[in-house]
Amino acid sequence: MKKIMTRFFILIGPLLLLCSCGGEVIPKPKGKLRLSYPTPKYIEVVSACPYTFEKNDFSKLRTARRNRRCWYNLEYNKLKATMYISYYEVRNNLDSLLRDAQNLTQEHVIKADGILQEPYVDSENKVYGMFYEVTGDAASQSQFYLTDSLKHFIVGSIYFNVKPNYDSILPAADYLRNDMRHLMETLRWKE
């Protein structure tokens, strides 16, 4: 019986191998995580502060714990992220405020793959500043500063409540980056 089985596998085995391979081998496409976020609905934030802006309704506006006047946190709980907004009055210190805002971004150079700077100018509303897009495993993916060059100065940055892993947080970082840009575009000084 053993001889019969051996002959069977010797004769039929190669035939089965030849017949079983048919057609072209097609590799499976790489899977991608699909994350979807709600379409932004913006509402105006009006307060006693000398500025207004629009925020995503998806975020929760909180007064910063430092008890600083006009400092806010926009919390995105589902994204595990917070946008920090800090306000300063300009009192012959615009140079130092600009330097501090730029240094805050440069602190991320160690972990960042790159930092893209985009000047922002809204001459009609007297809003001038810079938007920073940080790529790589840096702690903050987006930052900005805005000023009227005379009285007001605002700094904003986004931080995630998780260890930075650029590939994992990229969809959320893109979503928040768009919110930050919208905030910049809708910021108005009160007179």
C-alpha atoms as a PDB file:
ATOM      1  CA  MET A   1       0.000   0.000   0.000  1.00  0.00           C
ATOM      2  CA  LYS A   2       2.872   2.297   0.804  1.00  0.00           C
ATOM      3  CA  LYS A   3       4.308   1.840  -2.713  1.00  0.00           C
ATOM      4  CA  ILE A   4       1.007   2.682  -4.330  1.00  0.00           C
ATOM      5  CA  MET A   5       0.662   5.902  -2.332  1.00  0.00           C
ATOM      6  CA  THR A   6       4.233   6.880  -3.114  1.00  0.00           C
ATOM      7  CA  ARG A   7       3.712   6.330  -6.894  1.00  0.00           C
ATOM      8  CA  PHE A   8       0.429   8.191  -6.699  1.00  0.00           C
ATOM      9  CA  PHE A   9       2.075  11.256  -5.165  1.00  0.00           C
ATOM     10  CA  ILE A  10       5.001  11.049  -7.587  1.00  0.00           C
ATOM     11  CA  LEU A  11       2.694  10.966 -10.621  1.00  0.00           C
ATOM     12  CA  ILE A  12      -0.227  13.091  -9.458  1.00  0.00           C
ATOM     13  CA  GLY A  13       1.652  15.576  -7.183  1.00  0.00           C
ATOM     14  CA  PRO A  14       3.447  17.471  -9.981  1.00  0.00           C
ATOM     15  CA  LEU A  15       0.271  17.465 -12.062  1.00  0.00           C
ATOM     16  CA  LEU A  16      -1.680  19.022  -9.186  1.00  0.00           C
ATOM     17  CA  LEU A  17       1.005  21.641  -8.652  1.00  0.00           C
ATOM     18  CA  LEU A  18       0.949  22.623 -12.334  1.00  0.00           C
ATOM     19  CA  CYS A  19      -2.833  22.835 -12.446  1.00  0.00           C
ATOM     20  CA  SER A  20      -3.222  24.699  -9.185  1.00  0.00           C
ATOM     21  CA  CYS A  21      -1.157  27.673 -10.338  1.00  0.00           C
ATOM     22  CA  GLY A  22      -3.331  29.635 -12.648  1.00  0.00           C
ATOM     23  CA  GLY A  23      -3.607  33.263 -13.517  1.00  0.00           C
ATOM     24  CA  GLU A  24      -1.626  36.209 -12.399  1.00  0.00           C
ATOM     25  CA  VAL A  25      -0.773  36.739  -8.749  1.00  0.00           C
ATOM     26  CA  ILE A  26      -2.213  40.052  -7.568  1.00  0.00           C
ATOM     27  CA  PRO A  27      -0.917  41.488  -4.284  1.00  0.00           C
ATOM     28  CA  LYS A  28      -3.461  42.813  -1.828  1.00  0.00           C
ATOM     29  CA  PRO A  29      -3.568  46.593  -1.561  1.00  0.00           C
ATOM     30  CA  LYS A  30      -2.304  48.128   1.647  1.00  0.00           C
ATOM     31  CA  GLY A  31      -5.079  48.798   4.104  1.00  0.00           C
ATOM     32  CA  LYS A  32      -5.640  52.334   5.302  1.00  0.00           C
ATOM     33  CA  LEU A  33      -7.392  53.425   8.426  1.00  0.00           C
ATOM     34  CA  ARG A  34     -10.498  55.376   7.564  1.00  0.00           C
ATOM     35  CA  LEU A  35     -11.172  58.189   9.971  1.00  0.00           C
ATOM     36  CA  SER A  36     -14.014  60.581   9.428  1.00  0.00           C
ATOM     37  CA  TYR A  37     -14.739  63.744  11.321  1.00  0.00           C
ATOM     38  CA  PRO A  38     -17.865  65.878  11.302  1.00  0.00           C
ATOM     39  CA  THR A  39     -18.163  68.618   8.731  1.00  0.00           C
ATOM     40  CA  PRO A  40     -17.142  71.800  10.552  1.00  0.00           C
ATOM     41  CA  LYS A  41     -19.896  74.167  11.641  1.00  0.00           C
ATOM     42  CA  TYR A  42     -18.421  77.418  12.829  1.00  0.00           C
ATOM     43  CA  ILE A  43     -19.897  79.721  15.429  1.00  0.00           C
ATOM     44  CA  GLU A  44     -18.680  83.140  16.500  1.00  0.00           C
ATOM     45  CA  VAL A  45     -17.053  83.481  19.908  1.00  0.00           C
ATOM     46  CA  VAL A  46     -17.975  86.806  21.455  1.00  0.00           C
ATOM     47  CA  SER A  47     -16.524  87.665  24.842  1.00  0.00           C
ATOM     48  CA  ALA A  48     -15.246  90.570  26.887  1.00  0.00           C
ATOM     49  CA  CYS A  49     -11.866  90.122  25.192  1.00  0.00           C
ATOM     50  CA  PRO A  50     -10.636  92.648  22.616  1.00  0.00           C
ATOM     51  CA  TYR A  51     -11.079  90.141  19.792  1.00  0.00           C
ATOM     52  CA  THR A  52     -13.622  87.762  18.283  1.00  0.00           C
ATOM     53  CA  PHE A  53     -13.200  84.666  16.133  1.00  0.00           C
ATOM     54  CA  GLU A  54     -15.134  81.657  14.867  1.00  0.00           C
ATOM     55  CA  LYS A  55     -14.619  78.219  16.341  1.00  0.00           C
ATOM     56  CA  ASN A  56     -15.717  74.778  15.262  1.00  0.00           C
ATOM     57  CA  ASP A  57     -18.895  73.748  17.066  1.00  0.00           C
ATOM     58  CA  PHE A  58     -17.225  70.337  17.514  1.00  0.00           C
ATOM     59  CA  SER A  59     -14.803  71.899  20.031  1.00  0.00           C
ATOM     60  CA  LYS A  60     -15.488  73.047  23.569  1.00  0.00           C
ATOM     61  CA  LEU A  61     -14.333  76.525  24.574  1.00  0.00           C
ATOM     62  CA  ARG A  62     -12.785  76.685  28.033  1.00  0.00           C
ATOM     63  CA  THR A  63     -11.112  79.534  29.863  1.00  0.00           C
ATOM     64  CA  ALA A  64      -7.454  78.708  30.401  1.00  0.00           C
ATOM     65  CA  ARG A  65      -6.648  77.581  33.939  1.00  0.00           C
ATOM     66  CA  ARG A  66      -3.866  80.091  34.344  1.00  0.00           C
ATOM     67  CA  ASN A  67      -6.516  82.735  35.020  1.00  0.00           C
ATOM     68  CA  ARG A  68      -4.961  84.910  32.374  1.00  0.00           C
ATOM     69  CA  ARG A  69      -7.262  87.406  30.745  1.00  0.00           C
ATOM     70  CA  CYS A  70      -8.520  86.228  27.360  1.00  0.00           C
ATOM     71  CA  TRP A  71      -6.605  82.940  27.281  1.00  0.00           C
ATOM     72  CA  TYR A  72      -8.709  80.092  25.922  1.00  0.00           C
ATOM     73  CA  ASN A  73      -8.475  76.381  25.264  1.00  0.00           C
ATOM     74  CA  LEU A  74     -10.456  74.823  22.441  1.00  0.00           C
ATOM     75  CA  GLU A  75     -10.790  71.185  23.475  1.00  0.00           C
ATOM     76  CA  TYR A  76     -11.368  68.473  20.901  1.00  0.00           C
ATOM     77  CA  ASN A  77     -12.099  65.559  23.229  1.00  0.00           C
ATOM     78  CA  LYS A  78     -12.777  62.969  20.515  1.00  0.00           C
ATOM     79  CA  LEU A  79      -9.482  63.840  18.835  1.00  0.00           C
ATOM     80  CA  LYS A  80      -7.613  64.010  22.154  1.00  0.00           C
ATOM     81  CA  ALA A  81      -6.284  67.436  21.266  1.00  0.00           C
ATOM     82  CA  THR A  82      -6.406  71.024  22.489  1.00  0.00           C
ATOM     83  CA  MET A  83      -5.840  74.316  20.712  1.00  0.00           C
ATOM     84  CA  TYR A  84      -4.319  76.812  23.151  1.00  0.00           C
ATOM     85  CA  ILE A  85      -4.966  80.491  22.494  1.00  0.00           C
ATOM     86  CA  SER A  86      -2.998  83.114  24.443  1.00  0.00           C
ATOM     87  CA  TYR A  87      -3.570  86.847  24.298  1.00  0.00           C
ATOM     88  CA  TYR A  88      -1.062  89.589  25.135  1.00  0.00           C
ATOM     89  CA  GLU A  89      -1.350  93.356  25.092  1.00  0.00           C
ATOM     90  CA  VAL A  90       1.356  95.062  23.066  1.00  0.00           C
ATOM     91  CA  ARG A  91       3.155  97.619  25.225  1.00  0.00           C
ATOM     92  CA  ASN A  92       6.359  98.506  23.406  1.00  0.00           C
ATOM     93  CA  ASN A  93       7.208  94.779  23.493  1.00  0.00           C
ATOM     94  CA  LEU A  94       6.182  93.623  20.030  1.00  0.00           C
ATOM     95  CA  ASP A  95       9.740  92.512  19.226  1.00  0.00           C
ATOM     96  CA  SER A  96       9.943  90.243  22.277  1.00  0.00           C
ATOM     97  CA  LEU A  97       6.428  88.835  21.644  1.00  0.00           C
ATOM     98  CA  LEU A  98       7.377  87.996  18.048  1.00  0.00           C
ATOM     99  CA  ARG A  99      10.663  86.444  19.170  1.00  0.00           C
ATOM    100  CA  ASP A 100       8.893  84.320  21.816  1.00  0.00           C
ATOM    101  CA  ALA A 101       6.274  83.124  19.326  1.00  0.00           C
ATOM    102  CA  GLN A 102       8.954  82.174  16.790  1.00  0.00           C
ATOM    103  CA  ASN A 103      11.070  80.458  19.460  1.00  0.00           C
ATOM    104  CA  LEU A 104       8.059  78.418  20.563  1.00  0.00           C
ATOM    105  CA  THR A 105       7.875  76.969  17.060  1.00  0.00           C
ATOM    106  CA  GLN A 106      11.632  76.470  16.789  1.00  0.00           C
ATOM    107  CA  GLU A 107      11.606  74.323  19.943  1.00  0.00           C
ATOM    108  CA  HIS A 108      10.046  71.584  17.790  1.00  0.00           C
ATOM    109  CA  VAL A 109      12.943  71.502  15.300  1.00  0.00           C
ATOM    110  CA  ILE A 110      14.567  68.603  17.158  1.00  0.00           C
ATOM    111  CA  LYS A 111      11.658  66.215  16.486  1.00  0.00           C
ATOM    112  CA  ALA A 112      10.186  67.858  13.385  1.00  0.00           C
ATOM    113  CA  ASP A 113      10.897  66.720   9.847  1.00  0.00           C
ATOM    114  CA  GLY A 114      10.110  70.200   8.612  1.00  0.00           C
ATOM    115  CA  ILE A 115       8.449  73.501   9.478  1.00  0.00           C
ATOM    116  CA  LEU A 116       6.514  75.350   6.785  1.00  0.00           C
ATOM    117  CA  GLN A 117       5.962  79.069   7.428  1.00  0.00           C
ATOM    118  CA  GLU A 118       3.091  80.907   5.758  1.00  0.00           C
ATOM    119  CA  PRO A 119       2.723  84.649   6.321  1.00  0.00           C
ATOM    120  CA  TYR A 120      -0.840  85.812   6.946  1.00  0.00           C
ATOM    121  CA  VAL A 121      -1.955  89.314   5.952  1.00  0.00           C
ATOM    122  CA  ASP A 122      -5.484  90.719   6.220  1.00  0.00           C
ATOM    123  CA  SER A 123      -4.901  94.443   5.638  1.00  0.00           C
ATOM    124  CA  GLU A 124      -8.607  95.270   5.627  1.00  0.00           C
ATOM    125  CA  ASN A 125      -9.045  94.030   9.223  1.00  0.00           C
ATOM    126  CA  LYS A 126      -5.486  94.850  10.353  1.00  0.00           C
ATOM    127  CA  VAL A 127      -4.625  91.243  11.175  1.00  0.00           C
ATOM    128  CA  TYR A 128      -1.055  90.174  10.427  1.00  0.00           C
ATOM    129  CA  GLY A 129       0.856  87.090  11.433  1.00  0.00           C
ATOM    130  CA  MET A 130       2.392  83.744  10.614  1.00  0.00           C
ATOM    131  CA  PHE A 131       1.069  80.195  10.366  1.00  0.00           C
ATOM    132  CA  TYR A 132       3.437  77.303  11.055  1.00  0.00           C
ATOM    133  CA  GLU A 133       2.817  73.754   9.848  1.00  0.00           C
ATOM    134  CA  VAL A 134       5.085  71.282  11.619  1.00  0.00           C
ATOM    135  CA  THR A 135       5.640  67.816  10.125  1.00  0.00           C
ATOM    136  CA  GLY A 136       7.118  64.834  11.920  1.00  0.00           C
ATOM    137  CA  ASP A 137       6.846  63.556  15.482  1.00  0.00           C
ATOM    138  CA  ALA A 138       6.810  67.010  17.074  1.00  0.00           C
ATOM    139  CA  ALA A 139       4.597  67.810  20.045  1.00  0.00           C
ATOM    140  CA  SER A 140       2.646  70.496  18.156  1.00  0.00           C
ATOM    141  CA  GLN A 141       1.604  70.134  14.509  1.00  0.00           C
ATOM    142  CA  SER A 142       0.271  73.666  13.942  1.00  0.00           C
ATOM    143  CA  GLN A 143       0.975  77.062  15.457  1.00  0.00           C
ATOM    144  CA  PHE A 144       0.275  80.691  14.665  1.00  0.00           C
ATOM    145  CA  TYR A 145       0.584  84.220  15.893  1.00  0.00           C
ATOM    146  CA  LEU A 146      -1.531  87.243  14.956  1.00  0.00           C
ATOM    147  CA  THR A 147      -1.164  90.914  15.748  1.00  0.00           C
ATOM    148  CA  ASP A 148      -2.396  94.341  14.720  1.00  0.00           C
ATOM    149  CA  SER A 149       1.174  95.599  15.366  1.00  0.00           C
ATOM    150  CA  LEU A 150      -0.087  98.232  17.818  1.00  0.00           C
ATOM    151  CA  LYS A 151      -2.172  96.844  20.697  1.00  0.00           C
ATOM    152  CA  HIS A 152      -2.928  93.138  20.341  1.00  0.00           C
ATOM    153  CA  PHE A 153      -0.959  89.906  20.010  1.00  0.00           C
ATOM    154  CA  ILE A 154      -2.333  86.342  19.953  1.00  0.00           C
ATOM    155  CA  VAL A 155      -0.446  83.047  19.912  1.00  0.00           C
ATOM    156  CA  GLY A 156      -2.086  79.709  19.166  1.00  0.00           C
ATOM    157  CA  SER A 157      -0.872  76.113  19.107  1.00  0.00           C
ATOM    158  CA  ILE A 158      -2.343  72.626  18.879  1.00  0.00           C
ATOM    159  CA  TYR A 159      -1.169  69.810  21.140  1.00  0.00           C
ATOM    160  CA  PHE A 160      -2.357  66.212  21.220  1.00  0.00           C
ATOM    161  CA  ASN A 161      -2.849  64.419  24.534  1.00  0.00           C
ATOM    162  CA  VAL A 162      -0.911  61.408  23.243  1.00  0.00           C
ATOM    163  CA  LYS A 163       2.697  60.659  22.415  1.00  0.00           C
ATOM    164  CA  PRO A 164       3.354  62.163  18.977  1.00  0.00           C
ATOM    165  CA  ASN A 165       3.348  59.664  16.133  1.00  0.00           C
ATOM    166  CA  TYR A 166       2.962  61.669  12.938  1.00  0.00           C
ATOM    167  CA  ASP A 167       1.484  58.858  10.830  1.00  0.00           C
ATOM    168  CA  SER A 168      -1.190  58.102  13.422  1.00  0.00           C
ATOM    169  CA  ILE A 169      -2.272  61.665  14.161  1.00  0.00           C
ATOM    170  CA  LEU A 170      -2.041  63.001  10.590  1.00  0.00           C
ATOM    171  CA  PRO A 171      -5.800  62.851   9.792  1.00  0.00           C
ATOM    172  CA  ALA A 172      -6.664  64.606  13.056  1.00  0.00           C
ATOM    173  CA  ALA A 173      -3.806  67.087  12.590  1.00  0.00           C
ATOM    174  CA  ASP A 174      -5.125  67.990   9.124  1.00  0.00           C
ATOM    175  CA  TYR A 175      -8.641  68.503  10.494  1.00  0.00           C
ATOM    176  CA  LEU A 176      -7.370  70.750  13.298  1.00  0.00           C
ATOM    177  CA  ARG A 177      -5.038  72.627  10.966  1.00  0.00           C
ATOM    178  CA  ASN A 178      -8.069  73.655   8.900  1.00  0.00           C
ATOM    179  CA  ASP A 179      -9.852  74.813  12.061  1.00  0.00           C
ATOM    180  CA  MET A 180      -6.826  76.855  13.059  1.00  0.00           C
ATOM    181  CA  ARG A 181      -6.678  78.526   9.662  1.00  0.00           C
ATOM    182  CA  HIS A 182     -10.384  79.324   9.885  1.00  0.00           C
ATOM    183  CA  LEU A 183      -9.852  80.881  13.308  1.00  0.00           C
ATOM    184  CA  MET A 184      -7.054  83.039  11.875  1.00  0.00           C
ATOM    185  CA  GLU A 185      -9.175  84.125   8.899  1.00  0.00           C
ATOM    186  CA  THR A 186     -12.138  85.095  11.085  1.00  0.00           C
ATOM    187  CA  LEU A 187     -10.262  86.865  13.880  1.00  0.00           C
ATOM    188  CA  ARG A 188     -11.329  90.484  14.299  1.00  0.00           C
ATOM    189  CA  TRP A 189     -10.091  93.117  16.729  1.00  0.00           C
ATOM    190  CA  LYS A 190     -12.661  95.059  18.732  1.00  0.00           C
ATOM    191  CA  GLU A 191     -12.157  98.802  18.827  1.00  0.00           C
END
